[in-house]
Amino acid sequence: MDKLIERLPEIITAAAQSHLGILALLSVALSVLAYFFFARASEKVRVGIFVLLFLGVFGFGTAMFRESAPIAHLPGPSQATLSKEAKIILTEAAKDPSGLVVFERFGEGVDLSSNGKSLFTDKADHHALVVWESAIQELIKQELLVALGDRGELFEITKKGYDVAAHFD
């Protein structure tokens, strides 16, 4: 029993690494408490307490798994907050056979393209250029695109990006 108490912090830390671990720890803790509190109670009381504890753990587990649903199954929060330009870039990157977005600066010109399409064509409008650059940064920040290299010219869509883009269709 002393070894169990010594290792209790390690056990709790290991259990907290996953939802199932937390649920298992909760079930064990409630079982131990119920045993000590109701060991001398009548059989009816013990069965009643068991049913109530079981329903409580089941309800907690259901709520926990519902709250932690992955992005692949539910529309992610990033979709609602993406700008129109970011959605366009992400959609075209998802359609591109290589999953790439190219953003090139040359002389006075700029070219933003993906999937064989030029996404930004008005080279004279600095405000529009800043909006498209911001859209790329937005996608990087939300881990929907990653930069390839350090020149800021080539980007690749991530799995998370593909998952989010799939909800745009």
C-alpha atoms as a PDB file:
ATOM      1  CA  MET A   1       0.000   0.000   0.000  1.00  0.00           C
ATOM      2  CA  ASP A   2       2.920   2.352   0.751  1.00  0.00           C
ATOM      3  CA  LYS A   3       4.352   1.782  -2.741  1.00  0.00           C
ATOM      4  CA  LEU A   4       0.973   2.611  -4.258  1.00  0.00           C
ATOM      5  CA  ILE A   5       0.806   5.876  -2.347  1.00  0.00           C
ATOM      6  CA  GLU A   6       4.404   6.720  -3.354  1.00  0.00           C
ATOM      7  CA  ARG A   7       3.646   6.090  -7.026  1.00  0.00           C
ATOM      8  CA  LEU A   8       0.245   7.802  -7.001  1.00  0.00           C
ATOM      9  CA  PRO A   9       1.525  11.026  -8.658  1.00  0.00           C
ATOM     10  CA  GLU A  10       3.077   8.961 -11.489  1.00  0.00           C
ATOM     11  CA  ILE A  11      -0.151   7.002 -11.943  1.00  0.00           C
ATOM     12  CA  ILE A  12      -2.249  10.165 -12.078  1.00  0.00           C
ATOM     13  CA  THR A  13       0.180  11.790 -14.552  1.00  0.00           C
ATOM     14  CA  ALA A  14       0.104   8.729 -16.806  1.00  0.00           C
ATOM     15  CA  ALA A  15      -3.696   8.515 -16.634  1.00  0.00           C
ATOM     16  CA  ALA A  16      -4.069  12.194 -17.502  1.00  0.00           C
ATOM     17  CA  GLN A  17      -2.362  11.626 -20.873  1.00  0.00           C
ATOM     18  CA  SER A  18      -5.568  10.364 -22.500  1.00  0.00           C
ATOM     19  CA  HIS A  19      -9.304  10.595 -22.107  1.00  0.00           C
ATOM     20  CA  LEU A  20      -9.578   6.858 -21.473  1.00  0.00           C
ATOM     21  CA  GLY A  21      -6.923   7.083 -18.755  1.00  0.00           C
ATOM     22  CA  ILE A  22      -8.847   9.828 -16.971  1.00  0.00           C
ATOM     23  CA  LEU A  23     -12.055   7.815 -17.254  1.00  0.00           C
ATOM     24  CA  ALA A  24     -10.345   4.678 -15.897  1.00  0.00           C
ATOM     25  CA  LEU A  25      -8.814   6.608 -12.985  1.00  0.00           C
ATOM     26  CA  LEU A  26     -12.194   8.131 -12.164  1.00  0.00           C
ATOM     27  CA  SER A  27     -13.847   4.691 -12.211  1.00  0.00           C
ATOM     28  CA  VAL A  28     -11.207   3.163  -9.922  1.00  0.00           C
ATOM     29  CA  ALA A  29     -11.293   6.095  -7.497  1.00  0.00           C
ATOM     30  CA  LEU A  30     -15.079   6.004  -7.231  1.00  0.00           C
ATOM     31  CA  SER A  31     -15.049   2.230  -6.763  1.00  0.00           C
ATOM     32  CA  VAL A  32     -12.551   2.453  -3.902  1.00  0.00           C
ATOM     33  CA  LEU A  33     -14.491   5.257  -2.230  1.00  0.00           C
ATOM     34  CA  ALA A  34     -17.786   3.410  -2.635  1.00  0.00           C
ATOM     35  CA  TYR A  35     -16.275   0.259  -1.127  1.00  0.00           C
ATOM     36  CA  PHE A  36     -15.061   2.059   1.987  1.00  0.00           C
ATOM     37  CA  PHE A  37     -18.230   4.105   2.471  1.00  0.00           C
ATOM     38  CA  PHE A  38     -20.790   1.408   1.719  1.00  0.00           C
ATOM     39  CA  ALA A  39     -19.095  -1.915   2.627  1.00  0.00           C
ATOM     40  CA  ARG A  40     -21.434  -2.439   5.603  1.00  0.00           C
ATOM     41  CA  ALA A  41     -24.608  -1.184   3.897  1.00  0.00           C
ATOM     42  CA  SER A  42     -27.425  -3.479   2.852  1.00  0.00           C
ATOM     43  CA  GLU A  43     -27.359  -5.125  -0.551  1.00  0.00           C
ATOM     44  CA  LYS A  44     -30.109  -2.816  -1.849  1.00  0.00           C
ATOM     45  CA  VAL A  45     -28.102   0.275  -0.917  1.00  0.00           C
ATOM     46  CA  ARG A  46     -24.902  -1.109  -2.483  1.00  0.00           C
ATOM     47  CA  VAL A  47     -26.711  -1.931  -5.756  1.00  0.00           C
ATOM     48  CA  GLY A  48     -28.310   1.516  -5.788  1.00  0.00           C
ATOM     49  CA  ILE A  49     -24.970   3.236  -5.209  1.00  0.00           C
ATOM     50  CA  PHE A  50     -23.361   1.087  -7.927  1.00  0.00           C
ATOM     51  CA  VAL A  51     -26.036   2.069 -10.446  1.00  0.00           C
ATOM     52  CA  LEU A  52     -25.701   5.767  -9.583  1.00  0.00           C
ATOM     53  CA  LEU A  53     -21.885   5.654  -9.818  1.00  0.00           C
ATOM     54  CA  PHE A  54     -22.074   3.756 -13.097  1.00  0.00           C
ATOM     55  CA  LEU A  55     -24.479   6.299 -14.601  1.00  0.00           C
ATOM     56  CA  GLY A  56     -22.310   9.168 -13.377  1.00  0.00           C
ATOM     57  CA  VAL A  57     -19.123   7.735 -14.882  1.00  0.00           C
ATOM     58  CA  PHE A  58     -20.960   6.898 -18.116  1.00  0.00           C
ATOM     59  CA  GLY A  59     -22.376  10.437 -18.340  1.00  0.00           C
ATOM     60  CA  PHE A  60     -18.994  11.987 -17.641  1.00  0.00           C
ATOM     61  CA  GLY A  61     -17.331   9.798 -20.285  1.00  0.00           C
ATOM     62  CA  THR A  62     -19.975  10.650 -22.872  1.00  0.00           C
ATOM     63  CA  ALA A  63     -19.636  14.381 -22.231  1.00  0.00           C
ATOM     64  CA  MET A  64     -15.841  14.190 -22.287  1.00  0.00           C
ATOM     65  CA  PHE A  65     -15.711  12.379 -25.644  1.00  0.00           C
ATOM     66  CA  ARG A  66     -18.353  14.651 -27.153  1.00  0.00           C
ATOM     67  CA  GLU A  67     -16.327  17.746 -26.221  1.00  0.00           C
ATOM     68  CA  SER A  68     -13.067  16.350 -27.590  1.00  0.00           C
ATOM     69  CA  ALA A  69     -14.311  15.347 -31.071  1.00  0.00           C
ATOM     70  CA  PRO A  70     -11.499  15.685 -33.662  1.00  0.00           C
ATOM     71  CA  ILE A  71     -11.538  18.263 -36.482  1.00  0.00           C
ATOM     72  CA  ALA A  72     -11.918  15.568 -39.144  1.00  0.00           C
ATOM     73  CA  HIS A  73     -15.431  14.802 -37.885  1.00  0.00           C
ATOM     74  CA  LEU A  74     -16.647  18.275 -37.048  1.00  0.00           C
ATOM     75  CA  PRO A  75     -16.202  21.564 -38.833  1.00  0.00           C
ATOM     76  CA  GLY A  76     -13.268  23.201 -37.100  1.00  0.00           C
ATOM     77  CA  PRO A  77     -13.310  26.592 -35.467  1.00  0.00           C
ATOM     78  CA  SER A  78     -10.701  27.700 -37.996  1.00  0.00           C
ATOM     79  CA  GLN A  79     -13.265  27.518 -40.817  1.00  0.00           C
ATOM     80  CA  ALA A  80     -15.487  30.159 -39.323  1.00  0.00           C
ATOM     81  CA  THR A  81     -12.612  32.560 -38.795  1.00  0.00           C
ATOM     82  CA  LEU A  82     -10.833  32.173 -42.142  1.00  0.00           C
ATOM     83  CA  SER A  83     -10.924  35.178 -44.423  1.00  0.00           C
ATOM     84  CA  LYS A  84     -12.360  34.904 -47.915  1.00  0.00           C
ATOM     85  CA  GLU A  85      -8.851  35.032 -49.407  1.00  0.00           C
ATOM     86  CA  ALA A  86      -7.559  32.330 -47.031  1.00  0.00           C
ATOM     87  CA  LYS A  87     -10.436  30.058 -48.047  1.00  0.00           C
ATOM     88  CA  ILE A  88      -9.616  30.605 -51.734  1.00  0.00           C
ATOM     89  CA  ILE A  89      -5.922  29.793 -51.183  1.00  0.00           C
ATOM     90  CA  LEU A  90      -6.728  26.710 -49.106  1.00  0.00           C
ATOM     91  CA  THR A  91      -9.300  25.418 -51.601  1.00  0.00           C
ATOM     92  CA  GLU A  92      -6.888  25.753 -54.529  1.00  0.00           C
ATOM     93  CA  ALA A  93      -4.006  24.213 -52.562  1.00  0.00           C
ATOM     94  CA  ALA A  94      -6.214  21.209 -51.754  1.00  0.00           C
ATOM     95  CA  LYS A  95      -6.990  20.796 -55.466  1.00  0.00           C
ATOM     96  CA  ASP A  96      -3.345  21.204 -56.523  1.00  0.00           C
ATOM     97  CA  PRO A  97      -1.764  17.815 -57.361  1.00  0.00           C
ATOM     98  CA  SER A  98       1.310  18.756 -55.298  1.00  0.00           C
ATOM     99  CA  GLY A  99      -0.583  20.662 -52.602  1.00  0.00           C
ATOM    100  CA  LEU A 100       1.581  23.730 -53.180  1.00  0.00           C
ATOM    101  CA  VAL A 101       1.048  27.495 -53.073  1.00  0.00           C
ATOM    102  CA  VAL A 102       3.632  29.711 -54.802  1.00  0.00           C
ATOM    103  CA  PHE A 103       4.071  33.366 -53.780  1.00  0.00           C
ATOM    104  CA  GLU A 104       6.780  35.026 -55.868  1.00  0.00           C
ATOM    105  CA  ARG A 105       8.035  38.592 -55.881  1.00  0.00           C
ATOM    106  CA  PHE A 106       9.972  39.761 -58.917  1.00  0.00           C
ATOM    107  CA  GLY A 107      10.865  43.371 -59.578  1.00  0.00           C
ATOM    108  CA  GLU A 108       7.660  45.333 -59.195  1.00  0.00           C
ATOM    109  CA  GLY A 109       5.492  42.271 -59.719  1.00  0.00           C
ATOM    110  CA  VAL A 110       3.992  39.633 -57.494  1.00  0.00           C
ATOM    111  CA  ASP A 111       2.459  36.288 -58.376  1.00  0.00           C
ATOM    112  CA  LEU A 112       0.369  34.151 -56.034  1.00  0.00           C
ATOM    113  CA  SER A 113      -0.701  30.864 -57.586  1.00  0.00           C
ATOM    114  CA  SER A 114      -1.846  27.342 -56.839  1.00  0.00           C
ATOM    115  CA  ASN A 115      -3.453  24.561 -58.842  1.00  0.00           C
ATOM    116  CA  GLY A 116      -2.369  26.254 -62.063  1.00  0.00           C
ATOM    117  CA  LYS A 117      -4.370  29.404 -61.242  1.00  0.00           C
ATOM    118  CA  SER A 118      -3.121  32.892 -60.507  1.00  0.00           C
ATOM    119  CA  LEU A 119      -4.924  33.920 -57.328  1.00  0.00           C
ATOM    120  CA  PHE A 120      -3.659  37.489 -57.118  1.00  0.00           C
ATOM    121  CA  THR A 121      -3.372  39.495 -60.328  1.00  0.00           C
ATOM    122  CA  ASP A 122      -3.685  43.189 -59.397  1.00  0.00           C
ATOM    123  CA  LYS A 123       0.000  43.986 -58.904  1.00  0.00           C
ATOM    124  CA  ALA A 124      -0.537  47.740 -58.503  1.00  0.00           C
ATOM    125  CA  ASP A 125      -2.897  47.526 -55.518  1.00  0.00           C
ATOM    126  CA  HIS A 126      -0.700  47.380 -52.404  1.00  0.00           C
ATOM    127  CA  HIS A 127      -3.708  47.014 -50.078  1.00  0.00           C
ATOM    128  CA  ALA A 128      -4.870  43.897 -51.945  1.00  0.00           C
ATOM    129  CA  LEU A 129      -1.316  42.506 -51.831  1.00  0.00           C
ATOM    130  CA  VAL A 130      -1.222  42.928 -48.048  1.00  0.00           C
ATOM    131  CA  VAL A 131      -4.621  41.202 -47.738  1.00  0.00           C
ATOM    132  CA  TRP A 132      -3.354  38.143 -49.676  1.00  0.00           C
ATOM    133  CA  GLU A 133      -0.086  38.055 -47.692  1.00  0.00           C
ATOM    134  CA  SER A 134      -2.148  38.190 -44.502  1.00  0.00           C
ATOM    135  CA  ALA A 135      -4.276  35.277 -45.749  1.00  0.00           C
ATOM    136  CA  ILE A 136      -1.133  33.156 -46.187  1.00  0.00           C
ATOM    137  CA  GLN A 137       0.039  34.050 -42.664  1.00  0.00           C
ATOM    138  CA  GLU A 138      -3.425  33.222 -41.330  1.00  0.00           C
ATOM    139  CA  LEU A 139      -3.227  29.742 -42.879  1.00  0.00           C
ATOM    140  CA  ILE A 140       0.271  29.189 -41.489  1.00  0.00           C
ATOM    141  CA  LYS A 141      -0.767  30.325 -38.001  1.00  0.00           C
ATOM    142  CA  GLN A 142      -3.669  27.865 -37.986  1.00  0.00           C
ATOM    143  CA  GLU A 143      -1.347  25.089 -39.263  1.00  0.00           C
ATOM    144  CA  LEU A 144      -3.260  24.684 -42.512  1.00  0.00           C
ATOM    145  CA  LEU A 145      -0.184  25.592 -44.615  1.00  0.00           C
ATOM    146  CA  VAL A 146       3.523  25.193 -43.876  1.00  0.00           C
ATOM    147  CA  ALA A 147       6.354  27.188 -45.406  1.00  0.00           C
ATOM    148  CA  LEU A 148       8.888  25.223 -47.434  1.00  0.00           C
ATOM    149  CA  GLY A 149      12.301  26.826 -47.262  1.00  0.00           C
ATOM    150  CA  ASP A 150      13.048  30.179 -45.708  1.00  0.00           C
ATOM    151  CA  ARG A 151      12.341  32.552 -48.604  1.00  0.00           C
ATOM    152  CA  GLY A 152       8.568  32.798 -48.040  1.00  0.00           C
ATOM    153  CA  GLU A 153       7.772  31.780 -51.601  1.00  0.00           C
ATOM    154  CA  LEU A 154       6.646  28.165 -51.377  1.00  0.00           C
ATOM    155  CA  PHE A 155       3.989  26.708 -49.084  1.00  0.00           C
ATOM    156  CA  GLU A 156       2.450  23.262 -48.717  1.00  0.00           C
ATOM    157  CA  ILE A 157      -0.985  22.311 -47.446  1.00  0.00           C
ATOM    158  CA  THR A 158      -1.068  20.146 -44.303  1.00  0.00           C
ATOM    159  CA  LYS A 159      -3.375  17.246 -43.436  1.00  0.00           C
ATOM    160  CA  LYS A 160      -5.323  19.609 -41.207  1.00  0.00           C
ATOM    161  CA  GLY A 161      -5.561  21.945 -44.206  1.00  0.00           C
ATOM    162  CA  TYR A 162      -6.982  19.164 -46.376  1.00  0.00           C
ATOM    163  CA  ASP A 163      -9.491  18.292 -43.639  1.00  0.00           C
ATOM    164  CA  VAL A 164     -10.689  21.899 -43.330  1.00  0.00           C
ATOM    165  CA  ALA A 165     -10.776  22.426 -47.120  1.00  0.00           C
ATOM    166  CA  ALA A 166     -12.980  19.341 -47.473  1.00  0.00           C
ATOM    167  CA  HIS A 167     -15.729  21.204 -45.588  1.00  0.00           C
ATOM    168  CA  PHE A 168     -15.767  24.028 -48.154  1.00  0.00           C
ATOM    169  CA  ASP A 169     -17.206  21.843 -50.937  1.00  0.00           C
END
